[in-house]
Amino acid sequence: MITKDEIQELLHSTETYRVERTVSTGDMDKFQEAICAFANDMPNSRKNGYLILGAHDDGRLSGLRVTDDLLKKISAFAAMVIFCPSQ
C-alpha cells in the first residue's frame, strides 16, 4: 500500500522509468507505453511503476475528476495491454 506522503513524493519527483504523469485521460498511447515499460522493468529494479493521471509534469494537479467510468476505462485498457498485447 502506498502512503499519502509517498504519493506527494512521486508527484514532485522527476519522471523516471517508474514514474509517468499525464493530464489527459484521452491519450491511450501514453498509457500503453507506460504500462508496457512498467511491465518490462528493463533495469530489473523490481520496483512498482506509477502512472499518475491528472498531474502536470511539474506535479501540479489538473483537477481531473475520477469517476467510475474513468476507472473502468483505465482498468479495461490495462487488462487489454497486459493480457492481449498482440491485439
N, C-alpha and C. Protein backbone atom coordinates (compact mmCIF):
# COMPACT_ATOMS: atom_id res chain seq x y z
N MET A 1 0.84 -1.17 0.00
CA MET A 1 0.00 0.00 0.00
C MET A 1 0.89 1.24 0.00
N ILE A 2 0.55 2.18 -0.84
CA ILE A 2 1.31 3.42 -0.93
C ILE A 2 0.68 4.47 -0.01
N THR A 3 1.50 5.24 0.64
CA THR A 3 1.01 6.25 1.58
C THR A 3 0.79 7.59 0.88
N LYS A 4 0.07 8.47 1.55
CA LYS A 4 -0.16 9.82 1.02
C LYS A 4 1.17 10.56 0.83
N ASP A 5 2.09 10.40 1.78
CA ASP A 5 3.40 11.05 1.66
C ASP A 5 4.18 10.52 0.45
N GLU A 6 4.09 9.21 0.21
CA GLU A 6 4.78 8.63 -0.95
C GLU A 6 4.18 9.15 -2.25
N ILE A 7 2.86 9.35 -2.29
CA ILE A 7 2.22 9.90 -3.47
C ILE A 7 2.70 11.33 -3.70
N GLN A 8 2.77 12.13 -2.64
CA GLN A 8 3.28 13.50 -2.76
C GLN A 8 4.70 13.51 -3.30
N GLU A 9 5.52 12.58 -2.82
CA GLU A 9 6.90 12.49 -3.29
C GLU A 9 6.94 12.14 -4.78
N LEU A 10 6.11 11.19 -5.20
CA LEU A 10 6.05 10.80 -6.61
C LEU A 10 5.57 11.96 -7.49
N LEU A 11 4.61 12.73 -6.98
CA LEU A 11 4.10 13.87 -7.75
C LEU A 11 5.19 14.89 -8.05
N HIS A 12 6.09 15.08 -7.12
CA HIS A 12 7.08 16.14 -7.26
C HIS A 12 8.47 15.63 -7.65
N SER A 13 8.58 14.33 -7.86
CA SER A 13 9.86 13.77 -8.30
C SER A 13 9.99 13.92 -9.82
N THR A 14 11.17 13.66 -10.31
CA THR A 14 11.41 13.67 -11.75
C THR A 14 10.79 12.41 -12.34
N GLU A 15 10.22 12.53 -13.55
CA GLU A 15 9.72 11.33 -14.21
C GLU A 15 10.90 10.41 -14.50
N THR A 16 10.71 9.14 -14.24
CA THR A 16 11.76 8.15 -14.44
C THR A 16 11.16 6.93 -15.11
N TYR A 17 11.94 5.86 -15.17
CA TYR A 17 11.46 4.61 -15.75
C TYR A 17 10.29 4.03 -14.94
N ARG A 18 10.04 4.55 -13.74
CA ARG A 18 8.96 4.02 -12.92
C ARG A 18 7.91 5.04 -12.54
N VAL A 19 8.03 6.28 -13.02
CA VAL A 19 7.04 7.32 -12.73
C VAL A 19 6.70 8.06 -14.02
N GLU A 20 5.41 8.07 -14.35
CA GLU A 20 4.92 8.79 -15.53
C GLU A 20 3.70 9.58 -15.10
N ARG A 21 3.63 10.85 -15.44
CA ARG A 21 2.49 11.70 -15.12
C ARG A 21 1.82 12.14 -16.41
N THR A 22 0.49 12.29 -16.36
CA THR A 22 -0.24 12.78 -17.52
C THR A 22 -1.49 13.52 -17.07
N VAL A 23 -1.84 14.57 -17.79
CA VAL A 23 -3.04 15.33 -17.50
C VAL A 23 -4.23 14.70 -18.22
N SER A 24 -4.01 14.27 -19.44
CA SER A 24 -5.07 13.77 -20.30
C SER A 24 -5.43 12.33 -20.00
N THR A 25 -6.71 12.02 -20.07
CA THR A 25 -7.14 10.63 -19.99
C THR A 25 -7.48 10.10 -21.38
N GLY A 26 -7.30 10.93 -22.39
CA GLY A 26 -7.61 10.52 -23.75
C GLY A 26 -6.42 9.97 -24.52
N ASP A 27 -5.23 10.06 -23.95
CA ASP A 27 -4.02 9.62 -24.64
C ASP A 27 -3.70 8.18 -24.27
N MET A 28 -4.43 7.25 -24.85
CA MET A 28 -4.25 5.84 -24.51
C MET A 28 -2.89 5.32 -24.97
N ASP A 29 -2.30 5.93 -26.00
CA ASP A 29 -0.95 5.51 -26.41
C ASP A 29 0.05 5.74 -25.29
N LYS A 30 -0.07 6.87 -24.61
CA LYS A 30 0.83 7.17 -23.49
C LYS A 30 0.63 6.16 -22.36
N PHE A 31 -0.62 5.81 -22.08
CA PHE A 31 -0.91 4.81 -21.06
C PHE A 31 -0.27 3.48 -21.43
N GLN A 32 -0.46 3.08 -22.70
CA GLN A 32 0.06 1.80 -23.17
C GLN A 32 1.58 1.76 -23.04
N GLU A 33 2.24 2.82 -23.46
CA GLU A 33 3.70 2.87 -23.36
C GLU A 33 4.17 2.76 -21.91
N ALA A 34 3.50 3.48 -21.02
CA ALA A 34 3.89 3.46 -19.61
C ALA A 34 3.66 2.08 -19.01
N ILE A 35 2.51 1.49 -19.28
CA ILE A 35 2.19 0.17 -18.72
C ILE A 35 3.17 -0.88 -19.24
N CYS A 36 3.48 -0.84 -20.52
CA CYS A 36 4.44 -1.79 -21.09
C CYS A 36 5.83 -1.60 -20.48
N ALA A 37 6.24 -0.34 -20.32
CA ALA A 37 7.55 -0.07 -19.72
C ALA A 37 7.60 -0.59 -18.28
N PHE A 38 6.53 -0.36 -17.53
CA PHE A 38 6.50 -0.84 -16.15
C PHE A 38 6.53 -2.37 -16.11
N ALA A 39 5.80 -3.00 -17.02
CA ALA A 39 5.75 -4.47 -17.05
C ALA A 39 7.09 -5.07 -17.44
N ASN A 40 7.81 -4.40 -18.35
CA ASN A 40 9.10 -4.93 -18.80
C ASN A 40 10.21 -4.76 -17.77
N ASP A 41 10.12 -3.73 -16.94
CA ASP A 41 11.12 -3.48 -15.89
C ASP A 41 12.54 -3.70 -16.41
N MET A 42 12.87 -2.97 -17.47
CA MET A 42 14.17 -3.14 -18.12
C MET A 42 15.37 -3.02 -17.19
N PRO A 43 15.36 -2.10 -16.22
CA PRO A 43 16.52 -2.04 -15.33
C PRO A 43 16.50 -3.14 -14.25
N ASN A 44 15.45 -3.98 -14.30
CA ASN A 44 15.30 -5.07 -13.33
C ASN A 44 15.34 -4.56 -11.89
N SER A 45 14.65 -3.45 -11.66
CA SER A 45 14.63 -2.84 -10.33
C SER A 45 13.71 -3.56 -9.36
N ARG A 46 12.75 -4.28 -9.91
CA ARG A 46 11.73 -4.96 -9.11
C ARG A 46 10.94 -3.99 -8.24
N LYS A 47 10.82 -2.75 -8.73
CA LYS A 47 10.05 -1.72 -8.04
C LYS A 47 8.77 -1.45 -8.83
N ASN A 48 7.74 -1.01 -8.13
CA ASN A 48 6.48 -0.68 -8.78
C ASN A 48 6.65 0.50 -9.71
N GLY A 49 5.84 0.53 -10.77
CA GLY A 49 5.76 1.67 -11.65
C GLY A 49 4.47 2.42 -11.34
N TYR A 50 4.47 3.73 -11.54
CA TYR A 50 3.32 4.56 -11.22
C TYR A 50 2.96 5.44 -12.40
N LEU A 51 1.74 5.26 -12.89
CA LEU A 51 1.16 6.12 -13.91
C LEU A 51 0.20 7.03 -13.17
N ILE A 52 0.56 8.30 -13.06
CA ILE A 52 -0.23 9.25 -12.27
C ILE A 52 -1.09 10.07 -13.22
N LEU A 53 -2.39 9.86 -13.15
CA LEU A 53 -3.34 10.57 -14.01
C LEU A 53 -3.76 11.87 -13.34
N GLY A 54 -3.94 12.90 -14.14
CA GLY A 54 -4.42 14.17 -13.62
C GLY A 54 -3.34 15.01 -12.98
N ALA A 55 -2.10 14.82 -13.41
CA ALA A 55 -0.99 15.62 -12.87
C ALA A 55 -0.13 16.14 -14.00
N HIS A 56 0.24 17.41 -13.89
CA HIS A 56 1.15 18.02 -14.85
C HIS A 56 2.56 17.48 -14.61
N ASP A 57 3.45 17.71 -15.57
CA ASP A 57 4.83 17.24 -15.45
C ASP A 57 5.54 17.81 -14.22
N ASP A 58 5.12 18.99 -13.78
CA ASP A 58 5.76 19.59 -12.60
C ASP A 58 5.11 19.16 -11.29
N GLY A 59 4.12 18.25 -11.35
CA GLY A 59 3.49 17.72 -10.15
C GLY A 59 2.21 18.41 -9.73
N ARG A 60 1.88 19.54 -10.39
CA ARG A 60 0.62 20.21 -10.06
C ARG A 60 -0.55 19.33 -10.51
N LEU A 61 -1.58 19.27 -9.70
CA LEU A 61 -2.78 18.51 -10.06
C LEU A 61 -3.62 19.30 -11.04
N SER A 62 -4.23 18.59 -11.98
CA SER A 62 -5.01 19.24 -13.03
C SER A 62 -6.47 19.40 -12.68
N GLY A 63 -6.93 18.77 -11.62
CA GLY A 63 -8.34 18.83 -11.27
C GLY A 63 -9.15 17.74 -11.93
N LEU A 64 -8.49 16.72 -12.44
CA LEU A 64 -9.17 15.60 -13.08
C LEU A 64 -10.18 14.98 -12.12
N ARG A 65 -11.36 14.77 -12.60
CA ARG A 65 -12.41 14.15 -11.79
C ARG A 65 -12.36 12.65 -12.03
N VAL A 66 -12.15 11.89 -10.98
CA VAL A 66 -12.08 10.43 -11.09
C VAL A 66 -13.49 9.88 -10.89
N THR A 67 -14.01 9.28 -11.94
CA THR A 67 -15.36 8.71 -11.92
C THR A 67 -15.27 7.20 -12.07
N ASP A 68 -16.38 6.54 -11.81
CA ASP A 68 -16.42 5.09 -12.03
C ASP A 68 -16.15 4.76 -13.49
N ASP A 69 -16.68 5.56 -14.41
CA ASP A 69 -16.45 5.32 -15.83
C ASP A 69 -14.97 5.42 -16.18
N LEU A 70 -14.29 6.42 -15.62
CA LEU A 70 -12.85 6.56 -15.88
C LEU A 70 -12.09 5.36 -15.33
N LEU A 71 -12.41 4.93 -14.13
CA LEU A 71 -11.73 3.78 -13.54
C LEU A 71 -11.97 2.51 -14.36
N LYS A 72 -13.18 2.32 -14.84
CA LYS A 72 -13.48 1.16 -15.68
C LYS A 72 -12.70 1.21 -16.99
N LYS A 73 -12.64 2.40 -17.60
CA LYS A 73 -11.92 2.57 -18.86
C LYS A 73 -10.44 2.24 -18.69
N ILE A 74 -9.84 2.77 -17.64
CA ILE A 74 -8.42 2.55 -17.40
C ILE A 74 -8.14 1.08 -17.06
N SER A 75 -8.94 0.48 -16.21
CA SER A 75 -8.69 -0.92 -15.85
C SER A 75 -8.90 -1.85 -17.04
N ALA A 76 -9.90 -1.58 -17.86
CA ALA A 76 -10.13 -2.41 -19.05
C ALA A 76 -8.97 -2.26 -20.03
N PHE A 77 -8.49 -1.05 -20.19
CA PHE A 77 -7.36 -0.81 -21.09
C PHE A 77 -6.10 -1.50 -20.58
N ALA A 78 -5.83 -1.39 -19.30
CA ALA A 78 -4.64 -2.03 -18.72
C ALA A 78 -4.73 -3.54 -18.89
N ALA A 79 -5.89 -4.12 -18.68
CA ALA A 79 -6.04 -5.56 -18.85
C ALA A 79 -5.81 -5.96 -20.30
N MET A 80 -6.28 -5.16 -21.24
CA MET A 80 -6.08 -5.46 -22.65
C MET A 80 -4.60 -5.41 -23.01
N VAL A 81 -3.92 -4.40 -22.53
CA VAL A 81 -2.49 -4.26 -22.84
C VAL A 81 -1.68 -5.40 -22.23
N ILE A 82 -1.98 -5.74 -21.01
CA ILE A 82 -1.19 -6.76 -20.31
C ILE A 82 -1.52 -8.16 -20.81
N PHE A 83 -2.79 -8.44 -21.06
CA PHE A 83 -3.17 -9.80 -21.40
C PHE A 83 -3.36 -10.05 -22.89
N CYS A 84 -3.47 -9.02 -23.70
CA CYS A 84 -3.68 -9.18 -25.13
C CYS A 84 -2.76 -8.25 -25.91
N PRO A 85 -1.45 -8.32 -25.72
CA PRO A 85 -0.56 -7.34 -26.35
C PRO A 85 -0.55 -7.39 -27.87
N SER A 86 -0.97 -8.50 -28.48
CA SER A 86 -0.92 -8.58 -29.94
C SER A 86 -2.16 -8.00 -30.60
N GLN A 87 -3.16 -7.63 -29.83
CA GLN A 87 -4.39 -7.09 -30.42
C GLN A 87 -4.37 -5.60 -30.50
